[in-house]
Amino acid sequence: MHQVAGGCRLYESNIQTAYNLISKKGLAVGISRKTSTGYSVDTGTMTVSTVSETGYAVVVKNSENKTLEDDNYITILLSAKGITRPQLGDSVTLNTTAYVISKLNALAPNYDEPIIYTIELRR
């Protein structure tokens, strides 16, 4: 039991350290997701709302098989602290340029709460 509590504190420390480094060295990014909130029988249309939040990320590199001049595809490390889990198709804004999440991997050593996300974006 004592060992489990120590592991939890270490894991929380890792989450905080990743957040501190990325927020200080990286940049704020906007993450938006459109969700269907209902259907209007009167108009026959879906009601859509947009949920937005701000996270912190570091641009790692241009994605595989792309040239460095091609900024249509990039990979970022996104701190998982304080945000909901991103999803494929979410919109991410970096320096006024909008990208869409095309690939997403979570670093979650204890298979519970992730520390960071490695995200491939395309314009």
N, C-alpha and C. Protein backbone atom coordinates (compact mmCIF):
# COMPACT_ATOMS: atom_id res chain seq x y z
N MET A 1 0.83 -1.19 0.00
CA MET A 1 0.00 0.00 0.00
C MET A 1 0.87 1.24 0.00
N HIS A 2 1.89 1.27 0.86
CA HIS A 2 2.78 2.42 0.94
C HIS A 2 3.50 2.64 -0.39
N GLN A 3 3.88 1.55 -1.05
CA GLN A 3 4.57 1.63 -2.32
C GLN A 3 3.65 2.21 -3.40
N VAL A 4 2.37 1.88 -3.38
CA VAL A 4 1.41 2.39 -4.35
C VAL A 4 1.25 3.90 -4.18
N ALA A 5 1.15 4.38 -2.97
CA ALA A 5 1.03 5.82 -2.72
C ALA A 5 2.26 6.56 -3.22
N GLY A 6 3.43 5.99 -3.02
CA GLY A 6 4.66 6.61 -3.50
C GLY A 6 4.69 6.67 -5.02
N GLY A 7 4.19 5.61 -5.68
CA GLY A 7 4.12 5.58 -7.14
C GLY A 7 3.16 6.63 -7.67
N CYS A 8 2.05 6.85 -6.99
CA CYS A 8 1.08 7.88 -7.39
C CYS A 8 1.68 9.27 -7.29
N ARG A 9 2.41 9.52 -6.20
CA ARG A 9 3.05 10.84 -6.04
C ARG A 9 4.09 11.07 -7.13
N LEU A 10 4.86 10.03 -7.47
CA LEU A 10 5.86 10.14 -8.53
C LEU A 10 5.18 10.41 -9.87
N TYR A 11 4.09 9.72 -10.14
CA TYR A 11 3.37 9.90 -11.39
C TYR A 11 2.79 11.32 -11.47
N GLU A 12 2.20 11.82 -10.40
CA GLU A 12 1.68 13.19 -10.37
C GLU A 12 2.81 14.19 -10.57
N SER A 13 3.98 13.90 -10.02
CA SER A 13 5.14 14.75 -10.20
C SER A 13 5.56 14.77 -11.67
N ASN A 14 5.51 13.62 -12.35
CA ASN A 14 5.85 13.55 -13.77
C ASN A 14 4.88 14.38 -14.61
N ILE A 15 3.60 14.32 -14.28
CA ILE A 15 2.60 15.12 -15.00
C ILE A 15 2.89 16.60 -14.81
N GLN A 16 3.17 17.02 -13.59
CA GLN A 16 3.46 18.42 -13.30
C GLN A 16 4.74 18.88 -13.98
N THR A 17 5.77 18.05 -13.97
CA THR A 17 7.04 18.40 -14.62
C THR A 17 6.86 18.58 -16.12
N ALA A 18 6.16 17.66 -16.76
CA ALA A 18 5.90 17.77 -18.20
C ALA A 18 5.13 19.05 -18.50
N TYR A 19 4.13 19.35 -17.69
CA TYR A 19 3.34 20.57 -17.88
C TYR A 19 4.21 21.82 -17.73
N ASN A 20 5.04 21.86 -16.69
CA ASN A 20 5.89 23.02 -16.45
C ASN A 20 6.85 23.26 -17.62
N LEU A 21 7.51 22.20 -18.08
CA LEU A 21 8.46 22.34 -19.18
C LEU A 21 7.78 22.77 -20.47
N ILE A 22 6.67 22.13 -20.81
CA ILE A 22 5.99 22.45 -22.05
C ILE A 22 5.37 23.85 -22.00
N SER A 23 4.77 24.23 -20.88
CA SER A 23 4.15 25.56 -20.81
C SER A 23 5.18 26.68 -20.83
N LYS A 24 6.39 26.43 -20.29
CA LYS A 24 7.44 27.46 -20.29
C LYS A 24 8.16 27.55 -21.63
N LYS A 25 8.43 26.41 -22.25
CA LYS A 25 9.21 26.37 -23.50
C LYS A 25 8.34 26.35 -24.74
N GLY A 26 7.08 25.98 -24.60
CA GLY A 26 6.21 25.82 -25.75
C GLY A 26 5.30 27.02 -25.97
N LEU A 27 4.17 26.76 -26.58
CA LEU A 27 3.24 27.83 -26.88
C LEU A 27 1.82 27.36 -26.58
N ALA A 28 0.97 28.32 -26.32
CA ALA A 28 -0.43 28.01 -26.06
C ALA A 28 -1.10 27.64 -27.38
N VAL A 29 -1.90 26.60 -27.35
CA VAL A 29 -2.64 26.17 -28.54
C VAL A 29 -4.11 26.08 -28.20
N GLY A 30 -4.92 26.42 -29.17
CA GLY A 30 -6.36 26.29 -29.00
C GLY A 30 -6.83 24.95 -29.54
N ILE A 31 -7.66 24.25 -28.80
CA ILE A 31 -8.19 22.96 -29.22
C ILE A 31 -9.71 23.09 -29.26
N SER A 32 -10.30 22.78 -30.41
CA SER A 32 -11.75 22.91 -30.58
C SER A 32 -12.35 21.62 -31.07
N ARG A 33 -13.55 21.33 -30.58
CA ARG A 33 -14.28 20.14 -30.99
C ARG A 33 -15.73 20.53 -31.22
N LYS A 34 -16.25 20.15 -32.37
CA LYS A 34 -17.67 20.39 -32.65
C LYS A 34 -18.44 19.15 -32.24
N THR A 35 -19.52 19.38 -31.50
CA THR A 35 -20.35 18.26 -31.05
C THR A 35 -21.81 18.54 -31.39
N SER A 36 -22.52 17.48 -31.67
CA SER A 36 -23.95 17.59 -31.94
C SER A 36 -24.67 17.64 -30.59
N THR A 37 -25.49 18.65 -30.42
CA THR A 37 -26.18 18.80 -29.14
C THR A 37 -27.68 18.49 -29.23
N GLY A 38 -28.15 18.26 -30.44
CA GLY A 38 -29.56 17.92 -30.55
C GLY A 38 -30.07 18.01 -31.97
N TYR A 39 -31.32 17.66 -32.12
CA TYR A 39 -31.98 17.68 -33.43
C TYR A 39 -33.28 18.45 -33.30
N SER A 40 -33.47 19.42 -34.21
CA SER A 40 -34.69 20.21 -34.21
C SER A 40 -35.70 19.56 -35.15
N VAL A 41 -36.81 19.10 -34.59
CA VAL A 41 -37.87 18.48 -35.40
C VAL A 41 -38.51 19.54 -36.29
N ASP A 42 -38.61 20.77 -35.79
CA ASP A 42 -39.27 21.84 -36.55
C ASP A 42 -38.49 22.21 -37.82
N THR A 43 -37.17 22.30 -37.71
CA THR A 43 -36.36 22.72 -38.86
C THR A 43 -35.70 21.55 -39.58
N GLY A 44 -35.62 20.39 -38.93
CA GLY A 44 -34.99 19.22 -39.54
C GLY A 44 -33.47 19.32 -39.56
N THR A 45 -32.90 20.10 -38.65
CA THR A 45 -31.45 20.28 -38.64
C THR A 45 -30.86 19.88 -37.29
N MET A 46 -29.58 19.56 -37.32
CA MET A 46 -28.85 19.24 -36.09
C MET A 46 -28.35 20.54 -35.47
N THR A 47 -28.34 20.58 -34.16
CA THR A 47 -27.76 21.70 -33.44
C THR A 47 -26.32 21.32 -33.10
N VAL A 48 -25.38 22.18 -33.47
CA VAL A 48 -23.96 21.90 -33.26
C VAL A 48 -23.37 22.96 -32.35
N SER A 49 -22.59 22.52 -31.38
CA SER A 49 -21.89 23.48 -30.53
C SER A 49 -20.39 23.19 -30.61
N THR A 50 -19.61 24.20 -30.31
CA THR A 50 -18.16 24.07 -30.34
C THR A 50 -17.62 24.22 -28.93
N VAL A 51 -16.82 23.24 -28.51
CA VAL A 51 -16.18 23.27 -27.20
C VAL A 51 -14.71 23.61 -27.45
N SER A 52 -14.22 24.64 -26.78
CA SER A 52 -12.83 25.06 -26.97
C SER A 52 -12.10 25.10 -25.64
N GLU A 53 -10.82 24.80 -25.68
CA GLU A 53 -9.97 24.91 -24.50
C GLU A 53 -8.55 25.24 -24.95
N THR A 54 -7.73 25.64 -24.00
CA THR A 54 -6.34 25.99 -24.30
C THR A 54 -5.41 25.00 -23.62
N GLY A 55 -4.43 24.53 -24.38
CA GLY A 55 -3.42 23.63 -23.85
C GLY A 55 -2.05 24.19 -24.21
N TYR A 56 -0.99 23.50 -23.80
CA TYR A 56 0.37 23.93 -24.10
C TYR A 56 1.09 22.84 -24.86
N ALA A 57 1.81 23.23 -25.93
CA ALA A 57 2.45 22.25 -26.79
C ALA A 57 3.82 22.73 -27.24
N VAL A 58 4.63 21.76 -27.63
CA VAL A 58 5.93 22.02 -28.24
C VAL A 58 5.89 21.36 -29.61
N VAL A 59 6.30 22.11 -30.65
CA VAL A 59 6.38 21.53 -31.98
C VAL A 59 7.65 20.70 -32.04
N VAL A 60 7.50 19.42 -32.34
CA VAL A 60 8.63 18.50 -32.34
C VAL A 60 9.31 18.46 -33.70
N LYS A 61 8.55 18.25 -34.75
CA LYS A 61 9.13 18.11 -36.08
C LYS A 61 8.03 18.08 -37.11
N ASN A 62 8.45 18.19 -38.36
CA ASN A 62 7.52 17.90 -39.44
C ASN A 62 7.36 16.40 -39.47
N SER A 63 6.21 15.93 -39.81
CA SER A 63 5.91 14.50 -39.74
C SER A 63 6.69 13.71 -40.78
N GLU A 64 6.68 12.40 -40.59
CA GLU A 64 7.41 11.49 -41.46
C GLU A 64 7.06 11.69 -42.93
N ASN A 65 8.05 11.46 -43.77
CA ASN A 65 7.89 11.52 -45.23
C ASN A 65 7.48 12.89 -45.74
N LYS A 66 7.74 13.92 -44.98
CA LYS A 66 7.44 15.28 -45.41
C LYS A 66 8.74 16.07 -45.36
N THR A 67 8.84 17.09 -46.21
CA THR A 67 10.03 17.92 -46.19
C THR A 67 9.91 18.94 -45.07
N LEU A 68 11.04 19.48 -44.64
CA LEU A 68 11.01 20.48 -43.57
C LEU A 68 10.29 21.75 -44.00
N GLU A 69 10.23 22.00 -45.30
CA GLU A 69 9.55 23.21 -45.79
C GLU A 69 8.03 23.03 -45.79
N ASP A 70 7.57 21.79 -45.69
CA ASP A 70 6.15 21.50 -45.74
C ASP A 70 5.54 21.63 -44.36
N ASP A 71 4.88 22.75 -44.09
CA ASP A 71 4.28 22.95 -42.77
C ASP A 71 2.82 22.50 -42.73
N ASN A 72 2.39 21.75 -43.74
CA ASN A 72 1.03 21.22 -43.74
C ASN A 72 0.90 20.02 -42.80
N TYR A 73 2.04 19.40 -42.44
CA TYR A 73 2.06 18.26 -41.54
C TYR A 73 3.10 18.51 -40.46
N ILE A 74 2.67 18.54 -39.20
CA ILE A 74 3.62 18.71 -38.10
C ILE A 74 3.24 17.78 -36.96
N THR A 75 4.21 17.55 -36.07
CA THR A 75 3.97 16.74 -34.88
C THR A 75 4.22 17.62 -33.67
N ILE A 76 3.33 17.52 -32.69
CA ILE A 76 3.49 18.30 -31.46
C ILE A 76 3.42 17.36 -30.25
N LEU A 77 4.00 17.82 -29.15
CA LEU A 77 3.82 17.19 -27.84
C LEU A 77 2.90 18.12 -27.07
N LEU A 78 1.77 17.61 -26.64
CA LEU A 78 0.76 18.40 -25.94
C LEU A 78 0.67 17.92 -24.50
N SER A 79 0.83 18.85 -23.56
CA SER A 79 0.69 18.50 -22.15
C SER A 79 -0.74 18.07 -21.88
N ALA A 80 -0.90 16.97 -21.17
CA ALA A 80 -2.24 16.44 -20.88
C ALA A 80 -2.90 17.12 -19.68
N LYS A 81 -2.13 17.88 -18.94
CA LYS A 81 -2.67 18.48 -17.71
C LYS A 81 -3.69 19.58 -18.03
N GLY A 82 -4.84 19.47 -17.43
CA GLY A 82 -5.85 20.52 -17.52
C GLY A 82 -6.71 20.51 -18.77
N ILE A 83 -6.59 19.47 -19.61
CA ILE A 83 -7.43 19.42 -20.81
C ILE A 83 -8.11 18.06 -20.89
N THR A 84 -9.20 18.01 -21.64
CA THR A 84 -9.83 16.72 -21.90
C THR A 84 -9.06 16.02 -23.01
N ARG A 85 -9.20 14.72 -23.11
CA ARG A 85 -8.46 13.96 -24.11
C ARG A 85 -8.85 14.43 -25.51
N PRO A 86 -7.86 14.86 -26.30
CA PRO A 86 -8.17 15.25 -27.69
C PRO A 86 -8.66 14.04 -28.48
N GLN A 87 -9.34 14.31 -29.59
CA GLN A 87 -9.86 13.24 -30.44
C GLN A 87 -9.46 13.48 -31.88
N LEU A 88 -9.42 12.41 -32.66
CA LEU A 88 -9.17 12.57 -34.09
C LEU A 88 -10.21 13.51 -34.67
N GLY A 89 -9.77 14.42 -35.52
CA GLY A 89 -10.69 15.36 -36.13
C GLY A 89 -10.83 16.68 -35.38
N ASP A 90 -10.34 16.75 -34.14
CA ASP A 90 -10.37 18.02 -33.41
C ASP A 90 -9.51 19.04 -34.13
N SER A 91 -9.86 20.29 -34.00
CA SER A 91 -9.09 21.38 -34.59
C SER A 91 -8.10 21.92 -33.57
N VAL A 92 -6.85 22.12 -34.01
CA VAL A 92 -5.81 22.68 -33.15
C VAL A 92 -5.26 23.92 -33.84
N THR A 93 -5.21 25.03 -33.13
CA THR A 93 -4.70 26.28 -33.70
C THR A 93 -3.34 26.60 -33.09
N LEU A 94 -2.33 26.71 -33.98
CA LEU A 94 -0.96 27.08 -33.59
C LEU A 94 -0.62 28.39 -34.30
N ASN A 95 -0.35 29.42 -33.54
CA ASN A 95 0.04 30.71 -34.14
C ASN A 95 -0.90 31.12 -35.27
N THR A 96 -2.18 31.11 -35.04
CA THR A 96 -3.24 31.50 -35.98
C THR A 96 -3.43 30.55 -37.16
N THR A 97 -2.72 29.44 -37.22
CA THR A 97 -2.90 28.45 -38.29
C THR A 97 -3.66 27.26 -37.73
N ALA A 98 -4.74 26.89 -38.42
CA ALA A 98 -5.58 25.78 -37.95
C ALA A 98 -5.13 24.48 -38.59
N TYR A 99 -5.05 23.44 -37.76
CA TYR A 99 -4.71 22.09 -38.18
C TYR A 99 -5.79 21.15 -37.65
N VAL A 100 -5.80 19.92 -38.18
CA VAL A 100 -6.72 18.89 -37.72
C VAL A 100 -5.90 17.72 -37.19
N ILE A 101 -6.32 17.15 -36.09
CA ILE A 101 -5.62 15.99 -35.52
C ILE A 101 -5.86 14.78 -36.42
N SER A 102 -4.75 14.22 -36.95
CA SER A 102 -4.87 13.05 -37.82
C SER A 102 -4.33 11.79 -37.16
N LYS A 103 -3.53 11.94 -36.12
CA LYS A 103 -2.98 10.80 -35.40
C LYS A 103 -2.74 11.23 -33.96
N LEU A 104 -3.02 10.35 -33.02
CA LEU A 104 -2.93 10.70 -31.60
C LEU A 104 -2.44 9.51 -30.79
N ASN A 105 -1.41 9.74 -29.99
CA ASN A 105 -0.90 8.71 -29.06
C ASN A 105 -0.73 9.35 -27.69
N ALA A 106 -1.17 8.65 -26.67
CA ALA A 106 -1.04 9.15 -25.30
C ALA A 106 0.10 8.43 -24.60
N LEU A 107 0.93 9.19 -23.88
CA LEU A 107 1.94 8.60 -23.01
C LEU A 107 1.31 8.48 -21.64
N ALA A 108 0.93 7.25 -21.28
CA ALA A 108 0.27 6.99 -20.01
C ALA A 108 0.90 5.74 -19.39
N PRO A 109 2.01 5.90 -18.68
CA PRO A 109 2.73 4.75 -18.15
C PRO A 109 1.91 3.84 -17.24
N ASN A 110 0.95 4.38 -16.54
CA ASN A 110 0.16 3.52 -15.65
C ASN A 110 -1.21 3.19 -16.26
N TYR A 111 -1.36 3.46 -17.55
CA TYR A 111 -2.59 3.17 -18.30
C TYR A 111 -3.81 3.86 -17.71
N ASP A 112 -3.59 4.95 -17.03
CA ASP A 112 -4.69 5.67 -16.42
C ASP A 112 -4.73 7.08 -17.00
N GLU A 113 -4.11 7.99 -16.33
CA GLU A 113 -4.10 9.39 -16.76
C GLU A 113 -2.84 9.66 -17.58
N PRO A 114 -2.99 10.19 -18.81
CA PRO A 114 -1.81 10.46 -19.63
C PRO A 114 -0.99 11.63 -19.10
N ILE A 115 0.30 11.61 -19.45
CA ILE A 115 1.21 12.71 -19.11
C ILE A 115 1.25 13.70 -20.27
N ILE A 116 1.49 13.18 -21.47
CA ILE A 116 1.52 14.01 -22.68
C ILE A 116 0.88 13.24 -23.82
N TYR A 117 0.52 13.99 -24.86
CA TYR A 117 0.02 13.40 -26.10
C TYR A 117 0.99 13.73 -27.21
N THR A 118 1.31 12.74 -28.04
CA THR A 118 2.04 12.99 -29.28
C THR A 118 0.98 13.04 -30.35
N ILE A 119 0.91 14.19 -31.04
CA ILE A 119 -0.18 14.42 -31.99
C ILE A 119 0.38 14.81 -33.34
N GLU A 120 -0.09 14.14 -34.38
CA GLU A 120 0.24 14.53 -35.74
C GLU A 120 -0.89 15.38 -36.27
N LEU A 121 -0.53 16.52 -36.81
CA LEU A 121 -1.51 17.47 -37.32
C LEU A 121 -1.36 17.64 -38.81
N ARG A 122 -2.45 17.89 -39.50
CA ARG A 122 -2.40 18.24 -40.91
C ARG A 122 -3.27 19.47 -41.13
N ARG A 123 -2.86 20.24 -42.12
CA ARG A 123 -3.60 21.46 -42.41
C ARG A 123 -4.70 21.17 -43.39
